[in-house]
Amino acid sequence: IAEVHRLELTVVNRADDATFRFMTIDHDGKIRMDCSSPYAM
C-alpha cells in the first residue's frame, strides 16, 4: 500500500507469531488483539 500510493508509512511491528507474545494484555488479563482497547493498543 505504501509503495503503490507513495505514502510515508512505517510498520512499527512486524512480528508474525501465533502466540501473539508481542501483545500487551487486555483489560481482563487475556491476550486479545482488540484495536478498540487502549490496553491491547
PDB file of all heavy atoms in Angstrom:
ATOM      1  N   ILE A   1       0.838  -1.202   0.000  1.00  0.00           N
ATOM      2  CA  ILE A   1       0.000   0.000   0.000  1.00  0.00           C
ATOM      3  C   ILE A   1       0.873   1.252   0.000  1.00  0.00           C
ATOM      4  O   ILE A   1       0.637   2.201  -0.757  1.00  0.00           O
ATOM      5  CB  ILE A   1      -0.957  -0.017   1.211  1.00  0.00           C
ATOM      6  CG1 ILE A   1      -2.005  -1.113   1.038  1.00  0.00           C
ATOM      7  CG2 ILE A   1      -1.629   1.345   1.394  1.00  0.00           C
ATOM      8  CD1 ILE A   1      -2.848  -1.360   2.273  1.00  0.00           C
ATOM      9  N   ALA A   2       1.912   1.245   0.844  1.00  0.00           N
ATOM     10  CA  ALA A   2       2.805   2.401   0.917  1.00  0.00           C
ATOM     11  C   ALA A   2       3.541   2.620  -0.394  1.00  0.00           C
ATOM     12  O   ALA A   2       3.687   3.752  -0.866  1.00  0.00           O
ATOM     13  CB  ALA A   2       3.803   2.211   2.059  1.00  0.00           C
ATOM     14  N   GLU A   3       3.996   1.523  -1.010  1.00  0.00           N
ATOM     15  CA  GLU A   3       4.745   1.630  -2.264  1.00  0.00           C
ATOM     16  C   GLU A   3       3.862   2.138  -3.404  1.00  0.00           C
ATOM     17  O   GLU A   3       4.230   3.079  -4.121  1.00  0.00           O
ATOM     18  CB  GLU A   3       5.321   0.261  -2.622  1.00  0.00           C
ATOM     19  CG  GLU A   3       6.062   0.226  -3.943  1.00  0.00           C
ATOM     20  CD  GLU A   3       6.490  -1.181  -4.326  1.00  0.00           C
ATOM     21  OE1 GLU A   3       6.161  -2.140  -3.599  1.00  0.00           O
ATOM     22  OE2 GLU A   3       7.142  -1.323  -5.373  1.00  0.00           O
ATOM     23  N   VAL A   4       2.703   1.543  -3.580  1.00  0.00           N
ATOM     24  CA  VAL A   4       1.832   1.897  -4.703  1.00  0.00           C
ATOM     25  C   VAL A   4       1.305   3.323  -4.568  1.00  0.00           C
ATOM     26  O   VAL A   4       1.220   4.068  -5.556  1.00  0.00           O
ATOM     27  CB  VAL A   4       0.663   0.883  -4.803  1.00  0.00           C
ATOM     28  CG1 VAL A   4      -0.397   1.383  -5.790  1.00  0.00           C
ATOM     29  CG2 VAL A   4       1.185  -0.472  -5.240  1.00  0.00           C
ATOM     30  N   HIS A   5       0.973   3.720  -3.348  1.00  0.00           N
ATOM     31  CA  HIS A   5       0.352   5.027  -3.142  1.00  0.00           C
ATOM     32  C   HIS A   5       1.326   6.077  -2.601  1.00  0.00           C
ATOM     33  O   HIS A   5       0.913   7.183  -2.253  1.00  0.00           O
ATOM     34  CB  HIS A   5      -0.864   4.876  -2.227  1.00  0.00           C
ATOM     35  CG  HIS A   5      -1.927   4.001  -2.808  1.00  0.00           C
ATOM     36  ND1 HIS A   5      -2.763   4.407  -3.810  1.00  0.00           N
ATOM     37  CD2 HIS A   5      -2.252   2.694  -2.557  1.00  0.00           C
ATOM     38  CE1 HIS A   5      -3.575   3.422  -4.151  1.00  0.00           C
ATOM     39  NE2 HIS A   5      -3.296   2.371  -3.402  1.00  0.00           N
ATOM     40  N   ARG A   6       2.623   5.709  -2.530  1.00  0.00           N
ATOM     41  CA  ARG A   6       3.693   6.640  -2.190  1.00  0.00           C
ATOM     42  C   ARG A   6       3.459   7.324  -0.839  1.00  0.00           C
ATOM     43  O   ARG A   6       3.528   8.540  -0.708  1.00  0.00           O
ATOM     44  CB  ARG A   6       3.871   7.675  -3.308  1.00  0.00           C
ATOM     45  CG  ARG A   6       4.210   7.035  -4.656  1.00  0.00           C
ATOM     46  CD  ARG A   6       4.393   8.069  -5.737  1.00  0.00           C
ATOM     47  NE  ARG A   6       4.698   7.419  -7.015  1.00  0.00           N
ATOM     48  CZ  ARG A   6       4.923   8.076  -8.159  1.00  0.00           C
ATOM     49  NH1 ARG A   6       4.852   9.396  -8.179  1.00  0.00           N
ATOM     50  NH2 ARG A   6       5.193   7.415  -9.267  1.00  0.00           N
ATOM     51  N   LEU A   7       3.192   6.514   0.135  1.00  0.00           N
ATOM     52  CA  LEU A   7       2.892   7.016   1.467  1.00  0.00           C
ATOM     53  C   LEU A   7       4.125   6.972   2.365  1.00  0.00           C
ATOM     54  O   LEU A   7       4.971   6.081   2.239  1.00  0.00           O
ATOM     55  CB  LEU A   7       1.781   6.180   2.107  1.00  0.00           C
ATOM     56  CG  LEU A   7       0.451   6.116   1.358  1.00  0.00           C
ATOM     57  CD1 LEU A   7      -0.500   5.165   2.071  1.00  0.00           C
ATOM     58  CD2 LEU A   7      -0.178   7.500   1.224  1.00  0.00           C
ATOM     59  N   GLU A   8       4.214   7.925   3.286  1.00  0.00           N
ATOM     60  CA  GLU A   8       5.243   7.880   4.323  1.00  0.00           C
ATOM     61  C   GLU A   8       4.696   7.035   5.472  1.00  0.00           C
ATOM     62  O   GLU A   8       4.145   7.550   6.446  1.00  0.00           O
ATOM     63  CB  GLU A   8       5.593   9.294   4.795  1.00  0.00           C
ATOM     64  CG  GLU A   8       6.343  10.103   3.761  1.00  0.00           C
ATOM     65  CD  GLU A   8       6.963  11.361   4.358  1.00  0.00           C
ATOM     66  OE1 GLU A   8       7.110  11.429   5.600  1.00  0.00           O
ATOM     67  OE2 GLU A   8       7.275  12.275   3.580  1.00  0.00           O
ATOM     68  N   LEU A   9       4.816   5.754   5.342  1.00  0.00           N
ATOM     69  CA  LEU A   9       4.158   4.807   6.240  1.00  0.00           C
ATOM     70  C   LEU A   9       5.201   3.906   6.889  1.00  0.00           C
ATOM     71  O   LEU A   9       6.055   3.338   6.198  1.00  0.00           O
ATOM     72  CB  LEU A   9       3.135   3.989   5.452  1.00  0.00           C
ATOM     73  CG  LEU A   9       2.224   3.026   6.210  1.00  0.00           C
ATOM     74  CD1 LEU A   9       0.889   2.885   5.486  1.00  0.00           C
ATOM     75  CD2 LEU A   9       2.862   1.643   6.353  1.00  0.00           C
ATOM     76  N   THR A  10       5.110   3.767   8.181  1.00  0.00           N
ATOM     77  CA  THR A  10       6.027   2.925   8.938  1.00  0.00           C
ATOM     78  C   THR A  10       5.256   1.810   9.627  1.00  0.00           C
ATOM     79  O   THR A  10       4.304   2.074  10.375  1.00  0.00           O
ATOM     80  CB  THR A  10       6.772   3.744  10.009  1.00  0.00           C
ATOM     81  OG1 THR A  10       7.489   4.810   9.388  1.00  0.00           O
ATOM     82  CG2 THR A  10       7.741   2.856  10.784  1.00  0.00           C
ATOM     83  N   VAL A  11       5.642   0.576   9.358  1.00  0.00           N
ATOM     84  CA  VAL A  11       5.074  -0.563  10.084  1.00  0.00           C
ATOM     85  C   VAL A  11       5.886  -0.734  11.356  1.00  0.00           C
ATOM     86  O   VAL A  11       7.071  -1.067  11.309  1.00  0.00           O
ATOM     87  CB  VAL A  11       5.116  -1.846   9.228  1.00  0.00           C
ATOM     88  CG1 VAL A  11       4.565  -3.035  10.016  1.00  0.00           C
ATOM     89  CG2 VAL A  11       4.321  -1.657   7.934  1.00  0.00           C
ATOM     90  N   VAL A  12       5.277  -0.482  12.494  1.00  0.00           N
ATOM     91  CA  VAL A  12       6.019  -0.433  13.758  1.00  0.00           C
ATOM     92  C   VAL A  12       6.183  -1.806  14.398  1.00  0.00           C
ATOM     93  O   VAL A  12       6.969  -1.957  15.336  1.00  0.00           O
ATOM     94  CB  VAL A  12       5.339   0.529  14.754  1.00  0.00           C
ATOM     95  CG1 VAL A  12       5.217   1.920  14.152  1.00  0.00           C
ATOM     96  CG2 VAL A  12       3.971   0.009  15.202  1.00  0.00           C
ATOM     97  N   ASN A  13       5.452  -2.793  13.911  1.00  0.00           N
ATOM     98  CA  ASN A  13       5.522  -4.137  14.498  1.00  0.00           C
ATOM     99  C   ASN A  13       5.375  -5.157  13.376  1.00  0.00           C
ATOM    100  O   ASN A  13       4.308  -5.280  12.782  1.00  0.00           O
ATOM    101  CB  ASN A  13       4.412  -4.314  15.535  1.00  0.00           C
ATOM    102  CG  ASN A  13       4.295  -5.748  16.039  1.00  0.00           C
ATOM    103  OD1 ASN A  13       5.241  -6.527  15.928  1.00  0.00           O
ATOM    104  ND2 ASN A  13       3.138  -6.090  16.573  1.00  0.00           N
ATOM    105  N   ARG A  14       6.448  -5.872  13.082  1.00  0.00           N
ATOM    106  CA  ARG A  14       6.425  -6.865  12.005  1.00  0.00           C
ATOM    107  C   ARG A  14       6.376  -8.299  12.538  1.00  0.00           C
ATOM    108  O   ARG A  14       6.643  -9.250  11.804  1.00  0.00           O
ATOM    109  CB  ARG A  14       7.630  -6.684  11.084  1.00  0.00           C
ATOM    110  CG  ARG A  14       7.600  -5.352  10.322  1.00  0.00           C
ATOM    111  CD  ARG A  14       8.744  -5.233   9.331  1.00  0.00           C
ATOM    112  NE  ARG A  14       8.671  -3.984   8.602  1.00  0.00           N
ATOM    113  CZ  ARG A  14       7.949  -3.800   7.493  1.00  0.00           C
ATOM    114  NH1 ARG A  14       7.264  -4.815   6.982  1.00  0.00           N
ATOM    115  NH2 ARG A  14       7.934  -2.624   6.896  1.00  0.00           N
ATOM    116  N   ALA A  15       6.031  -8.460  13.778  1.00  0.00           N
ATOM    117  CA  ALA A  15       6.012  -9.793  14.381  1.00  0.00           C
ATOM    118  C   ALA A  15       4.923 -10.658  13.752  1.00  0.00           C
ATOM    119  O   ALA A  15       3.805 -10.204  13.523  1.00  0.00           O
ATOM    120  CB  ALA A  15       5.783  -9.687  15.879  1.00  0.00           C
ATOM    121  N   ASP A  16       5.287 -11.896  13.453  1.00  0.00           N
ATOM    122  CA  ASP A  16       4.349 -12.904  12.941  1.00  0.00           C
ATOM    123  C   ASP A  16       4.512 -14.138  13.819  1.00  0.00           C
ATOM    124  O   ASP A  16       5.363 -14.985  13.573  1.00  0.00           O
ATOM    125  CB  ASP A  16       4.639 -13.211  11.474  1.00  0.00           C
ATOM    126  CG  ASP A  16       3.681 -14.237  10.875  1.00  0.00           C
ATOM    127  OD1 ASP A  16       2.732 -14.629  11.569  1.00  0.00           O
ATOM    128  OD2 ASP A  16       3.890 -14.648   9.718  1.00  0.00           O
ATOM    129  N   ASP A  17       3.739 -14.212  14.860  1.00  0.00           N
ATOM    130  CA  ASP A  17       3.890 -15.245  15.881  1.00  0.00           C
ATOM    131  C   ASP A  17       2.500 -15.588  16.399  1.00  0.00           C
ATOM    132  O   ASP A  17       1.823 -14.745  16.988  1.00  0.00           O
ATOM    133  CB  ASP A  17       4.775 -14.718  17.015  1.00  0.00           C
ATOM    134  CG  ASP A  17       5.024 -15.732  18.111  1.00  0.00           C
ATOM    135  OD1 ASP A  17       4.275 -16.731  18.202  1.00  0.00           O
ATOM    136  OD2 ASP A  17       5.962 -15.522  18.903  1.00  0.00           O
ATOM    137  N   ALA A  18       2.076 -16.822  16.180  1.00  0.00           N
ATOM    138  CA  ALA A  18       0.701 -17.208  16.514  1.00  0.00           C
ATOM    139  C   ALA A  18       0.419 -17.257  18.012  1.00  0.00           C
ATOM    140  O   ALA A  18      -0.739 -17.383  18.414  1.00  0.00           O
ATOM    141  CB  ALA A  18       0.372 -18.562  15.885  1.00  0.00           C
ATOM    142  N   THR A  19       1.454 -17.140  18.855  1.00  0.00           N
ATOM    143  CA  THR A  19       1.192 -16.984  20.285  1.00  0.00           C
ATOM    144  C   THR A  19       0.808 -15.542  20.613  1.00  0.00           C
ATOM    145  O   THR A  19       0.288 -15.277  21.693  1.00  0.00           O
ATOM    146  CB  THR A  19       2.414 -17.358  21.145  1.00  0.00           C
ATOM    147  OG1 THR A  19       3.465 -16.414  20.902  1.00  0.00           O
ATOM    148  CG2 THR A  19       2.889 -18.773  20.844  1.00  0.00           C
ATOM    149  N   PHE A  20       1.105 -14.630  19.700  1.00  0.00           N
ATOM    150  CA  PHE A  20       0.869 -13.190  19.900  1.00  0.00           C
ATOM    151  C   PHE A  20       1.558 -12.697  21.174  1.00  0.00           C
ATOM    152  O   PHE A  20       1.042 -11.846  21.896  1.00  0.00           O
ATOM    153  CB  PHE A  20      -0.632 -12.874  19.918  1.00  0.00           C
ATOM    154  CG  PHE A  20      -1.298 -13.121  18.585  1.00  0.00           C
ATOM    155  CD1 PHE A  20      -1.834 -14.373  18.281  1.00  0.00           C
ATOM    156  CD2 PHE A  20      -1.391 -12.119  17.642  1.00  0.00           C
ATOM    157  CE1 PHE A  20      -2.444 -14.611  17.048  1.00  0.00           C
ATOM    158  CE2 PHE A  20      -1.997 -12.350  16.404  1.00  0.00           C
ATOM    159  CZ  PHE A  20      -2.527 -13.586  16.107  1.00  0.00           C
ATOM    160  N   ARG A  21       2.747 -13.213  21.411  1.00  0.00           N
ATOM    161  CA  ARG A  21       3.501 -12.882  22.627  1.00  0.00           C
ATOM    162  C   ARG A  21       3.920 -11.410  22.667  1.00  0.00           C
ATOM    163  O   ARG A  21       4.295 -10.900  23.726  1.00  0.00           O
ATOM    164  CB  ARG A  21       4.726 -13.786  22.748  1.00  0.00           C
ATOM    165  CG  ARG A  21       5.788 -13.556  21.685  1.00  0.00           C
ATOM    166  CD  ARG A  21       6.980 -14.490  21.863  1.00  0.00           C
ATOM    167  NE  ARG A  21       6.629 -15.869  21.592  1.00  0.00           N
ATOM    168  CZ  ARG A  21       6.875 -16.866  22.436  1.00  0.00           C
ATOM    169  NH1 ARG A  21       7.444 -16.640  23.602  1.00  0.00           N
ATOM    170  NH2 ARG A  21       6.533 -18.104  22.113  1.00  0.00           N
ATOM    171  N   PHE A  22       3.894 -10.730  21.544  1.00  0.00           N
ATOM    172  CA  PHE A  22       4.299  -9.331  21.470  1.00  0.00           C
ATOM    173  C   PHE A  22       3.199  -8.372  21.919  1.00  0.00           C
ATOM    174  O   PHE A  22       3.420  -7.171  22.032  1.00  0.00           O
ATOM    175  CB  PHE A  22       4.678  -8.987  20.021  1.00  0.00           C
ATOM    176  CG  PHE A  22       3.647  -9.454  19.026  1.00  0.00           C
ATOM    177  CD1 PHE A  22       2.524  -8.708  18.758  1.00  0.00           C
ATOM    178  CD2 PHE A  22       3.808 -10.678  18.379  1.00  0.00           C
ATOM    179  CE1 PHE A  22       1.561  -9.161  17.875  1.00  0.00           C
ATOM    180  CE2 PHE A  22       2.849 -11.132  17.488  1.00  0.00           C
ATOM    181  CZ  PHE A  22       1.718 -10.372  17.233  1.00  0.00           C
ATOM    182  N   MET A  23       1.992  -8.898  22.155  1.00  0.00           N
ATOM    183  CA  MET A  23       0.873  -8.045  22.546  1.00  0.00           C
ATOM    184  C   MET A  23       0.987  -7.609  24.008  1.00  0.00           C
ATOM    185  O   MET A  23       1.595  -8.295  24.835  1.00  0.00           O
ATOM    186  CB  MET A  23      -0.450  -8.788  22.360  1.00  0.00           C
ATOM    187  CG  MET A  23      -0.854  -8.994  20.909  1.00  0.00           C
ATOM    188  SD  MET A  23      -1.179  -7.451  20.038  1.00  0.00           S
ATOM    189  CE  MET A  23      -2.506  -6.751  21.035  1.00  0.00           C
ATOM    190  N   THR A  24       0.362  -6.461  24.301  1.00  0.00           N
ATOM    191  CA  THR A  24       0.148  -6.076  25.695  1.00  0.00           C
ATOM    192  C   THR A  24      -1.222  -6.606  26.127  1.00  0.00           C
ATOM    193  O   THR A  24      -2.136  -6.752  25.307  1.00  0.00           O
ATOM    194  CB  THR A  24       0.217  -4.556  25.871  1.00  0.00           C
ATOM    195  OG1 THR A  24      -0.612  -3.921  24.891  1.00  0.00           O
ATOM    196  CG2 THR A  24       1.644  -4.064  25.709  1.00  0.00           C
ATOM    197  N   ILE A  25      -1.337  -6.912  27.398  1.00  0.00           N
ATOM    198  CA  ILE A  25      -2.502  -7.612  27.937  1.00  0.00           C
ATOM    199  C   ILE A  25      -3.740  -6.711  27.956  1.00  0.00           C
ATOM    200  O   ILE A  25      -3.664  -5.528  28.268  1.00  0.00           O
ATOM    201  CB  ILE A  25      -2.189  -8.121  29.361  1.00  0.00           C
ATOM    202  CG1 ILE A  25      -1.006  -9.099  29.310  1.00  0.00           C
ATOM    203  CG2 ILE A  25      -3.405  -8.800  29.977  1.00  0.00           C
ATOM    204  CD1 ILE A  25      -1.250 -10.322  28.471  1.00  0.00           C
ATOM    205  N   ASP A  26      -4.883  -7.303  27.627  1.00  0.00           N
ATOM    206  CA  ASP A  26      -6.138  -6.562  27.621  1.00  0.00           C
ATOM    207  C   ASP A  26      -6.650  -6.360  29.058  1.00  0.00           C
ATOM    208  O   ASP A  26      -6.066  -6.858  30.026  1.00  0.00           O
ATOM    209  CB  ASP A  26      -7.169  -7.293  26.767  1.00  0.00           C
ATOM    210  CG  ASP A  26      -8.246  -6.365  26.221  1.00  0.00           C
ATOM    211  OD1 ASP A  26      -8.186  -5.155  26.497  1.00  0.00           O
ATOM    212  OD2 ASP A  26      -9.149  -6.855  25.529  1.00  0.00           O
ATOM    213  N   HIS A  27      -7.761  -5.690  29.197  1.00  0.00           N
ATOM    214  CA  HIS A  27      -8.298  -5.265  30.496  1.00  0.00           C
ATOM    215  C   HIS A  27      -8.557  -6.415  31.458  1.00  0.00           C
ATOM    216  O   HIS A  27      -8.500  -6.246  32.677  1.00  0.00           O
ATOM    217  CB  HIS A  27      -9.600  -4.492  30.281  1.00  0.00           C
ATOM    218  CG  HIS A  27     -10.707  -5.340  29.708  1.00  0.00           C
ATOM    219  ND1 HIS A  27     -11.629  -5.997  30.489  1.00  0.00           N
ATOM    220  CD2 HIS A  27     -11.007  -5.654  28.415  1.00  0.00           C
ATOM    221  CE1 HIS A  27     -12.461  -6.686  29.718  1.00  0.00           C
ATOM    222  NE2 HIS A  27     -12.119  -6.491  28.455  1.00  0.00           N
ATOM    223  N   ASP A  28      -8.835  -7.621  30.896  1.00  0.00           N
ATOM    224  CA  ASP A  28      -9.225  -8.752  31.738  1.00  0.00           C
ATOM    225  C   ASP A  28      -8.116  -9.778  31.942  1.00  0.00           C
ATOM    226  O   ASP A  28      -8.364 -10.881  32.423  1.00  0.00           O
ATOM    227  CB  ASP A  28     -10.458  -9.443  31.147  1.00  0.00           C
ATOM    228  CG  ASP A  28     -10.225  -9.894  29.708  1.00  0.00           C
ATOM    229  OD1 ASP A  28      -9.136  -9.625  29.155  1.00  0.00           O
ATOM    230  OD2 ASP A  28     -11.138 -10.519  29.137  1.00  0.00           O
ATOM    231  N   GLY A  29      -6.902  -9.431  31.546  1.00  0.00           N
ATOM    232  CA  GLY A  29      -5.780 -10.339  31.747  1.00  0.00           C
ATOM    233  C   GLY A  29      -5.545 -11.309  30.615  1.00  0.00           C
ATOM    234  O   GLY A  29      -4.700 -12.204  30.728  1.00  0.00           O
ATOM    235  N   LYS A  30      -6.261 -11.155  29.504  1.00  0.00           N
ATOM    236  CA  LYS A  30      -6.106 -12.045  28.356  1.00  0.00           C
ATOM    237  C   LYS A  30      -5.365 -11.351  27.224  1.00  0.00           C
ATOM    238  O   LYS A  30      -5.388 -10.121  27.108  1.00  0.00           O
ATOM    239  CB  LYS A  30      -7.477 -12.509  27.854  1.00  0.00           C
ATOM    240  CG  LYS A  30      -8.233 -13.393  28.834  1.00  0.00           C
ATOM    241  CD  LYS A  30      -9.528 -13.903  28.221  1.00  0.00           C
ATOM    242  CE  LYS A  30     -10.251 -14.830  29.178  1.00  0.00           C
ATOM    243  NZ  LYS A  30     -11.511 -15.365  28.571  1.00  0.00           N
ATOM    244  N   ILE A  31      -4.706 -12.167  26.393  1.00  0.00           N
ATOM    245  CA  ILE A  31      -4.154 -11.642  25.147  1.00  0.00           C
ATOM    246  C   ILE A  31      -5.312 -11.538  24.167  1.00  0.00           C
ATOM    247  O   ILE A  31      -5.988 -12.518  23.870  1.00  0.00           O
ATOM    248  CB  ILE A  31      -3.059 -12.575  24.577  1.00  0.00           C
ATOM    249  CG1 ILE A  31      -1.868 -12.653  25.534  1.00  0.00           C
ATOM    250  CG2 ILE A  31      -2.609 -12.091  23.207  1.00  0.00           C
ATOM    251  CD1 ILE A  31      -0.788 -13.623  25.084  1.00  0.00           C
ATOM    252  N   ARG A  32      -5.544 -10.346  23.707  1.00  0.00           N
ATOM    253  CA  ARG A  32      -6.644 -10.123  22.776  1.00  0.00           C
ATOM    254  C   ARG A  32      -6.238  -9.009  21.808  1.00  0.00           C
ATOM    255  O   ARG A  32      -5.878  -7.922  22.244  1.00  0.00           O
ATOM    256  CB  ARG A  32      -7.925  -9.761  23.538  1.00  0.00           C
ATOM    257  CG  ARG A  32      -9.152  -9.671  22.660  1.00  0.00           C
ATOM    258  CD  ARG A  32     -10.396  -9.296  23.463  1.00  0.00           C
ATOM    259  NE  ARG A  32     -10.842 -10.379  24.337  1.00  0.00           N
ATOM    260  CZ  ARG A  32     -10.725 -10.380  25.659  1.00  0.00           C
ATOM    261  NH1 ARG A  32     -10.165  -9.341  26.262  1.00  0.00           N
ATOM    262  NH2 ARG A  32     -11.169 -11.380  26.381  1.00  0.00           N
ATOM    263  N   MET A  33      -6.323  -9.265  20.514  1.00  0.00           N
ATOM    264  CA  MET A  33      -5.867  -8.293  19.523  1.00  0.00           C
ATOM    265  C   MET A  33      -7.003  -7.326  19.178  1.00  0.00           C
ATOM    266  O   MET A  33      -7.438  -7.197  18.034  1.00  0.00           O
ATOM    267  CB  MET A  33      -5.362  -9.020  18.279  1.00  0.00           C
ATOM    268  CG  MET A  33      -4.059  -9.778  18.493  1.00  0.00           C
ATOM    269  SD  MET A  33      -4.141 -11.124  19.715  1.00  0.00           S
ATOM    270  CE  MET A  33      -5.168 -12.313  18.841  1.00  0.00           C
ATOM    271  N   ASP A  34      -7.454  -6.644  20.214  1.00  0.00           N
ATOM    272  CA  ASP A  34      -8.600  -5.750  20.100  1.00  0.00           C
ATOM    273  C   ASP A  34      -8.111  -4.318  19.939  1.00  0.00           C
ATOM    274  O   ASP A  34      -7.676  -3.681  20.906  1.00  0.00           O
ATOM    275  CB  ASP A  34      -9.486  -5.885  21.341  1.00  0.00           C
ATOM    276  CG  ASP A  34     -10.748  -5.045  21.258  1.00  0.00           C
ATOM    277  OD1 ASP A  34     -10.921  -4.318  20.252  1.00  0.00           O
ATOM    278  OD2 ASP A  34     -11.571  -5.109  22.184  1.00  0.00           O
ATOM    279  N   CYS A  35      -8.186  -3.803  18.713  1.00  0.00           N
ATOM    280  CA  CYS A  35      -7.656  -2.465  18.448  1.00  0.00           C
ATOM    281  C   CYS A  35      -8.560  -1.362  18.973  1.00  0.00           C
ATOM    282  O   CYS A  35      -8.249  -0.175  18.820  1.00  0.00           O
ATOM    283  CB  CYS A  35      -7.387  -2.286  16.952  1.00  0.00           C
ATOM    284  SG  CYS A  35      -8.769  -2.742  15.901  1.00  0.00           S
ATOM    285  N   SER A  36      -9.691  -1.714  19.616  1.00  0.00           N
ATOM    286  CA  SER A  36     -10.519  -0.709  20.284  1.00  0.00           C
ATOM    287  C   SER A  36     -10.169  -0.594  21.766  1.00  0.00           C
ATOM    288  O   SER A  36     -10.711   0.257  22.463  1.00  0.00           O
ATOM    289  CB  SER A  36     -12.009  -1.054  20.138  1.00  0.00           C
ATOM    290  OG  SER A  36     -12.327  -2.230  20.874  1.00  0.00           O
ATOM    291  N   SER A  37      -9.247  -1.447  22.217  1.00  0.00           N
ATOM    292  CA  SER A  37      -8.873  -1.448  23.630  1.00  0.00           C
ATOM    293  C   SER A  37      -7.567  -0.674  23.828  1.00  0.00           C
ATOM    294  O   SER A  37      -6.549  -1.008  23.221  1.00  0.00           O
ATOM    295  CB  SER A  37      -8.687  -2.884  24.126  1.00  0.00           C
ATOM    296  OG  SER A  37      -8.010  -2.900  25.373  1.00  0.00           O
ATOM    297  N   PRO A  38      -7.552   0.334  24.710  1.00  0.00           N
ATOM    298  CA  PRO A  38      -6.295   1.059  24.961  1.00  0.00           C
ATOM    299  C   PRO A  38      -5.237   0.182  25.617  1.00  0.00           C
ATOM    300  O   PRO A  38      -4.047   0.496  25.540  1.00  0.00           O
ATOM    301  CB  PRO A  38      -6.723   2.201  25.890  1.00  0.00           C
ATOM    302  CG  PRO A  38      -7.979   1.718  26.544  1.00  0.00           C
ATOM    303  CD  PRO A  38      -8.662   0.865  25.513  1.00  0.00           C
ATOM    304  N   TYR A  39      -5.656  -0.902  26.237  1.00  0.00           N
ATOM    305  CA  TYR A  39      -4.694  -1.801  26.882  1.00  0.00           C
ATOM    306  C   TYR A  39      -4.014  -2.700  25.848  1.00  0.00           C
ATOM    307  O   TYR A  39      -2.800  -2.877  25.879  1.00  0.00           O
ATOM    308  CB  TYR A  39      -5.398  -2.626  27.964  1.00  0.00           C
ATOM    309  CG  TYR A  39      -6.142  -1.746  28.933  1.00  0.00           C
ATOM    310  CD1 TYR A  39      -7.530  -1.615  28.868  1.00  0.00           C
ATOM    311  CD2 TYR A  39      -5.455  -1.001  29.880  1.00  0.00           C
ATOM    312  CE1 TYR A  39      -8.217  -0.773  29.745  1.00  0.00           C
ATOM    313  CE2 TYR A  39      -6.124  -0.149  30.757  1.00  0.00           C
ATOM    314  CZ  TYR A  39      -7.511  -0.043  30.675  1.00  0.00           C
ATOM    315  OH  TYR A  39      -8.177   0.799  31.520  1.00  0.00           O
ATOM    316  N   ALA A  40      -4.785  -3.233  24.923  1.00  0.00           N
ATOM    317  CA  ALA A  40      -4.206  -4.029  23.842  1.00  0.00           C
ATOM    318  C   ALA A  40      -3.398  -3.157  22.886  1.00  0.00           C
ATOM    319  O   ALA A  40      -2.452  -3.630  22.246  1.00  0.00           O
ATOM    320  CB  ALA A  40      -5.314  -4.754  23.076  1.00  0.00           C
ATOM    321  N   MET A  41      -3.757  -1.878  22.798  1.00  0.00           N
ATOM    322  CA  MET A  41      -3.088  -0.946  21.889  1.00  0.00           C
ATOM    323  C   MET A  41      -1.987  -0.139  22.587  1.00  0.00           C
ATOM    324  O   MET A  41      -1.464   0.824  22.017  1.00  0.00           O
ATOM    325  CB  MET A  41      -4.123   0.017  21.306  1.00  0.00           C
ATOM    326  CG  MET A  41      -5.071  -0.600  20.309  1.00  0.00           C
ATOM    327  SD  MET A  41      -4.397  -0.614  18.645  1.00  0.00           S
ATOM    328  CE  MET A  41      -4.717   1.100  18.167  1.00  0.00           C
TER     329      MET A  41
END
